[in-house]
Amino acid sequence: MKVVTDSNVFFRAILGRKAGTASKSVINLIREGRVQSYTCDALMGEIGRIVKSEPKLRRIDPVYFRQFMDDLDGWFSYVPMKNLEHDQKMLNRIGNDWYLIAIGRSISADCIITYDKDLISMKNELEEKDNLEVLTSEEFINSYRQ
């Protein structure tokens, strides 16, 4: 199964206090190789930018965070940003998360796992047009178990 995983899933996994949260379960499926996750250099850059600006993330032990990021780096397949088809309409509509859709389209992903409200609002449109589901971690884990 091919998925595109948004940065907000990583942050929920790393900030979650309970071991069995849905986002941690998604990360575990990726880590175990049971789900193939794709990303691009822009997503990794976004993670670095958010870490510097988000007060909640400042409480994470920097050593733990660096190890988490190093691990993530080895669990993903990368689609170079230069290989993604730029979609100005989508950029105007939902902002920088357009590249999550572009990655999904370029690899024929099964779904995008995200908590982004703009992407979630496009759920039906993306499923009809691109056969690309948009799911939260909870929805993904529930459908994966079936």
C-alpha atoms as a PDB file:
ATOM      1  CA  MET A   1       0.000   0.000   0.000  1.00  0.00           C
ATOM      2  CA  LYS A   2       1.366   3.409  -1.005  1.00  0.00           C
ATOM      3  CA  VAL A   3       0.613   6.414   1.187  1.00  0.00           C
ATOM      4  CA  VAL A   4       1.627  10.055   1.409  1.00  0.00           C
ATOM      5  CA  THR A   5       1.977  11.071   5.043  1.00  0.00           C
ATOM      6  CA  ASP A   6       1.577  14.718   6.051  1.00  0.00           C
ATOM      7  CA  SER A   7       3.889  16.284   8.632  1.00  0.00           C
ATOM      8  CA  ASN A   8       1.006  16.745  11.087  1.00  0.00           C
ATOM      9  CA  VAL A   9       0.862  12.946  11.450  1.00  0.00           C
ATOM     10  CA  PHE A  10       4.544  12.908  12.497  1.00  0.00           C
ATOM     11  CA  PHE A  11       3.972  15.649  15.029  1.00  0.00           C
ATOM     12  CA  ARG A  12       0.980  13.876  16.539  1.00  0.00           C
ATOM     13  CA  ALA A  13       3.070  10.714  16.788  1.00  0.00           C
ATOM     14  CA  ILE A  14       5.989  12.416  18.468  1.00  0.00           C
ATOM     15  CA  LEU A  15       3.835  14.525  20.816  1.00  0.00           C
ATOM     16  CA  GLY A  16       1.346  11.791  21.692  1.00  0.00           C
ATOM     17  CA  ARG A  17       1.635  10.628  25.265  1.00  0.00           C
ATOM     18  CA  LYS A  18       0.016   7.229  24.749  1.00  0.00           C
ATOM     19  CA  ALA A  19       1.829   4.423  22.965  1.00  0.00           C
ATOM     20  CA  GLY A  20      -1.183   3.275  20.936  1.00  0.00           C
ATOM     21  CA  THR A  21      -2.317   6.502  19.298  1.00  0.00           C
ATOM     22  CA  ALA A  22      -3.430   6.251  15.681  1.00  0.00           C
ATOM     23  CA  SER A  23      -0.581   8.427  14.411  1.00  0.00           C
ATOM     24  CA  LYS A  24       1.978   6.302  16.277  1.00  0.00           C
ATOM     25  CA  SER A  25       0.350   3.224  14.752  1.00  0.00           C
ATOM     26  CA  VAL A  26       0.717   4.761  11.278  1.00  0.00           C
ATOM     27  CA  ILE A  27       4.401   5.472  11.924  1.00  0.00           C
ATOM     28  CA  ASN A  28       4.860   1.899  13.190  1.00  0.00           C
ATOM     29  CA  LEU A  29       3.297   0.465  10.010  1.00  0.00           C
ATOM     30  CA  ILE A  30       5.699   2.583   7.970  1.00  0.00           C
ATOM     31  CA  ARG A  31       8.681   1.620  10.147  1.00  0.00           C
ATOM     32  CA  GLU A  32       7.808  -2.078   9.845  1.00  0.00           C
ATOM     33  CA  GLY A  33       7.554  -1.785   6.046  1.00  0.00           C
ATOM     34  CA  ARG A  34       3.902  -2.823   5.998  1.00  0.00           C
ATOM     35  CA  VAL A  35       2.982   0.501   4.389  1.00  0.00           C
ATOM     36  CA  GLN A  36       5.189   2.322   1.879  1.00  0.00           C
ATOM     37  CA  SER A  37       5.197   6.045   2.585  1.00  0.00           C
ATOM     38  CA  TYR A  38       6.347   8.707   0.165  1.00  0.00           C
ATOM     39  CA  THR A  39       7.425  12.271   0.699  1.00  0.00           C
ATOM     40  CA  CYS A  40       9.491  14.996  -0.922  1.00  0.00           C
ATOM     41  CA  ASP A  41      12.201  17.397   0.173  1.00  0.00           C
ATOM     42  CA  ALA A  42       9.617  20.142   0.778  1.00  0.00           C
ATOM     43  CA  LEU A  43       7.910  18.051   3.458  1.00  0.00           C
ATOM     44  CA  MET A  44      11.142  17.488   5.346  1.00  0.00           C
ATOM     45  CA  GLY A  45      11.849  21.223   5.097  1.00  0.00           C
ATOM     46  CA  GLU A  46       8.365  21.944   6.432  1.00  0.00           C
ATOM     47  CA  ILE A  47       9.026  19.730   9.442  1.00  0.00           C
ATOM     48  CA  GLY A  48      12.206  21.654  10.243  1.00  0.00           C
ATOM     49  CA  ARG A  49      10.422  25.013   9.881  1.00  0.00           C
ATOM     50  CA  ILE A  50       7.518  23.963  12.106  1.00  0.00           C
ATOM     51  CA  VAL A  51       9.821  22.602  14.807  1.00  0.00           C
ATOM     52  CA  LYS A  52      11.473  26.012  15.090  1.00  0.00           C
ATOM     53  CA  SER A  53       8.175  27.914  15.258  1.00  0.00           C
ATOM     54  CA  GLU A  54       5.769  25.666  17.213  1.00  0.00           C
ATOM     55  CA  PRO A  55       5.901  26.175  20.994  1.00  0.00           C
ATOM     56  CA  LYS A  56       4.584  22.651  21.757  1.00  0.00           C
ATOM     57  CA  LEU A  57       7.510  21.133  19.893  1.00  0.00           C
ATOM     58  CA  ARG A  58      10.101  23.021  21.920  1.00  0.00           C
ATOM     59  CA  ARG A  59       9.440  20.695  24.853  1.00  0.00           C
ATOM     60  CA  ILE A  60      10.639  17.659  22.894  1.00  0.00           C
ATOM     61  CA  ASP A  61      14.090  16.460  23.847  1.00  0.00           C
ATOM     62  CA  PRO A  62      16.314  17.538  20.919  1.00  0.00           C
ATOM     63  CA  VAL A  63      18.247  14.256  20.957  1.00  0.00           C
ATOM     64  CA  TYR A  64      15.010  12.237  20.804  1.00  0.00           C
ATOM     65  CA  PHE A  65      13.668  14.451  18.021  1.00  0.00           C
ATOM     66  CA  ARG A  66      16.861  14.172  15.966  1.00  0.00           C
ATOM     67  CA  GLN A  67      16.790  10.371  16.299  1.00  0.00           C
ATOM     68  CA  PHE A  68      13.111  10.311  15.306  1.00  0.00           C
ATOM     69  CA  MET A  69      13.872  12.425  12.226  1.00  0.00           C
ATOM     70  CA  ASP A  70      16.891  10.303  11.292  1.00  0.00           C
ATOM     71  CA  ASP A  71      14.721   7.198  11.542  1.00  0.00           C
ATOM     72  CA  LEU A  72      11.950   8.796   9.445  1.00  0.00           C
ATOM     73  CA  ASP A  73      14.463   9.624   6.771  1.00  0.00           C
ATOM     74  CA  GLY A  74      15.214   5.922   6.297  1.00  0.00           C
ATOM     75  CA  TRP A  75      11.585   4.815   6.250  1.00  0.00           C
ATOM     76  CA  PHE A  76      10.409   6.936   3.311  1.00  0.00           C
ATOM     77  CA  SER A  77      10.751   6.873  -0.413  1.00  0.00           C
ATOM     78  CA  TYR A  78      11.478  10.314  -1.796  1.00  0.00           C
ATOM     79  CA  VAL A  79       9.963  11.911  -4.863  1.00  0.00           C
ATOM     80  CA  PRO A  80      12.139  14.860  -5.867  1.00  0.00           C
ATOM     81  CA  MET A  81      10.199  18.128  -5.820  1.00  0.00           C
ATOM     82  CA  LYS A  82      11.523  18.900  -9.307  1.00  0.00           C
ATOM     83  CA  ASN A  83       9.725  15.776 -10.582  1.00  0.00           C
ATOM     84  CA  LEU A  84       6.328  16.881  -9.287  1.00  0.00           C
ATOM     85  CA  GLU A  85       3.875  18.492 -11.646  1.00  0.00           C
ATOM     86  CA  HIS A  86       3.344  22.040 -10.396  1.00  0.00           C
ATOM     87  CA  ASP A  87      -0.343  22.817  -9.984  1.00  0.00           C
ATOM     88  CA  GLN A  88      -0.835  26.573  -9.614  1.00  0.00           C
ATOM     89  CA  LYS A  89      -4.617  26.230  -9.222  1.00  0.00           C
ATOM     90  CA  MET A  90      -4.131  23.815  -6.342  1.00  0.00           C
ATOM     91  CA  LEU A  91      -1.461  26.057  -4.804  1.00  0.00           C
ATOM     92  CA  ASN A  92      -3.889  28.994  -4.948  1.00  0.00           C
ATOM     93  CA  ARG A  93      -6.648  26.858  -3.483  1.00  0.00           C
ATOM     94  CA  ILE A  94      -4.926  25.079  -0.574  1.00  0.00           C
ATOM     95  CA  GLY A  95      -1.456  26.587  -0.301  1.00  0.00           C
ATOM     96  CA  ASN A  96       1.759  24.653   0.039  1.00  0.00           C
ATOM     97  CA  ASP A  97       0.065  21.328   0.739  1.00  0.00           C
ATOM     98  CA  TRP A  98      -0.555  21.036  -3.009  1.00  0.00           C
ATOM     99  CA  TYR A  99       2.605  18.944  -3.164  1.00  0.00           C
ATOM    100  CA  LEU A 100       0.986  16.184  -1.070  1.00  0.00           C
ATOM    101  CA  ILE A 101      -1.570  15.782  -3.847  1.00  0.00           C
ATOM    102  CA  ALA A 102       1.165  15.999  -6.483  1.00  0.00           C
ATOM    103  CA  ILE A 103       3.137  13.221  -4.753  1.00  0.00           C
ATOM    104  CA  GLY A 104      -0.010  11.105  -4.507  1.00  0.00           C
ATOM    105  CA  ARG A 105      -0.753  11.561  -8.183  1.00  0.00           C
ATOM    106  CA  SER A 106       2.834  10.909  -9.279  1.00  0.00           C
ATOM    107  CA  ILE A 107       3.094   7.536  -7.508  1.00  0.00           C
ATOM    108  CA  SER A 108      -0.567   6.476  -7.809  1.00  0.00           C
ATOM    109  CA  ALA A 109      -0.871   6.466  -4.020  1.00  0.00           C
ATOM    110  CA  ASP A 110      -3.746   4.801  -2.273  1.00  0.00           C
ATOM    111  CA  CYS A 111      -4.200   7.670   0.157  1.00  0.00           C
ATOM    112  CA  ILE A 112      -2.930  10.801   1.837  1.00  0.00           C
ATOM    113  CA  ILE A 113      -2.869  10.591   5.629  1.00  0.00           C
ATOM    114  CA  THR A 114      -3.417  14.053   7.068  1.00  0.00           C
ATOM    115  CA  TYR A 115      -5.276  16.264   9.511  1.00  0.00           C
ATOM    116  CA  ASP A 116      -5.191  19.251   7.148  1.00  0.00           C
ATOM    117  CA  LYS A 117      -8.707  20.691   6.918  1.00  0.00           C
ATOM    118  CA  ASP A 118      -8.260  21.906   3.333  1.00  0.00           C
ATOM    119  CA  LEU A 119      -7.210  18.460   2.131  1.00  0.00           C
ATOM    120  CA  ILE A 120      -9.959  16.767   4.122  1.00  0.00           C
ATOM    121  CA  SER A 121     -12.505  19.130   2.544  1.00  0.00           C
ATOM    122  CA  MET A 122     -11.343  17.853  -0.880  1.00  0.00           C
ATOM    123  CA  LYS A 123     -11.810  14.212   0.112  1.00  0.00           C
ATOM    124  CA  ASN A 124     -14.644  13.427  -2.332  1.00  0.00           C
ATOM    125  CA  GLU A 125     -13.116  15.402  -5.188  1.00  0.00           C
ATOM    126  CA  LEU A 126      -9.731  13.682  -4.915  1.00  0.00           C
ATOM    127  CA  GLU A 127     -11.282  10.257  -4.614  1.00  0.00           C
ATOM    128  CA  GLU A 128     -13.445  10.785  -7.710  1.00  0.00           C
ATOM    129  CA  LYS A 129     -10.803  12.524  -9.841  1.00  0.00           C
ATOM    130  CA  ASP A 130      -7.611  10.713  -8.781  1.00  0.00           C
ATOM    131  CA  ASN A 131      -8.814   7.618  -6.923  1.00  0.00           C
ATOM    132  CA  LEU A 132      -6.868   9.087  -3.991  1.00  0.00           C
ATOM    133  CA  GLU A 133      -8.354   8.774  -0.513  1.00  0.00           C
ATOM    134  CA  VAL A 134      -7.756  11.433   2.126  1.00  0.00           C
ATOM    135  CA  LEU A 135      -7.809   9.940   5.622  1.00  0.00           C
ATOM    136  CA  THR A 136      -6.884  10.900   9.155  1.00  0.00           C
ATOM    137  CA  SER A 137      -4.634   8.493  11.040  1.00  0.00           C
ATOM    138  CA  GLU A 138      -7.667   7.060  12.838  1.00  0.00           C
ATOM    139  CA  GLU A 139      -9.533   6.475   9.573  1.00  0.00           C
ATOM    140  CA  PHE A 140      -6.458   4.918   7.985  1.00  0.00           C
ATOM    141  CA  ILE A 141      -5.846   2.534  10.900  1.00  0.00           C
ATOM    142  CA  ASN A 142      -9.516   1.506  10.913  1.00  0.00           C
ATOM    143  CA  SER A 143      -9.502   0.797   7.165  1.00  0.00           C
ATOM    144  CA  TYR A 144      -6.097  -0.946   7.354  1.00  0.00           C
ATOM    145  CA  ARG A 145      -7.391  -3.377   9.984  1.00  0.00           C
ATOM    146  CA  GLN A 146     -10.361  -4.405   7.836  1.00  0.00           C
END
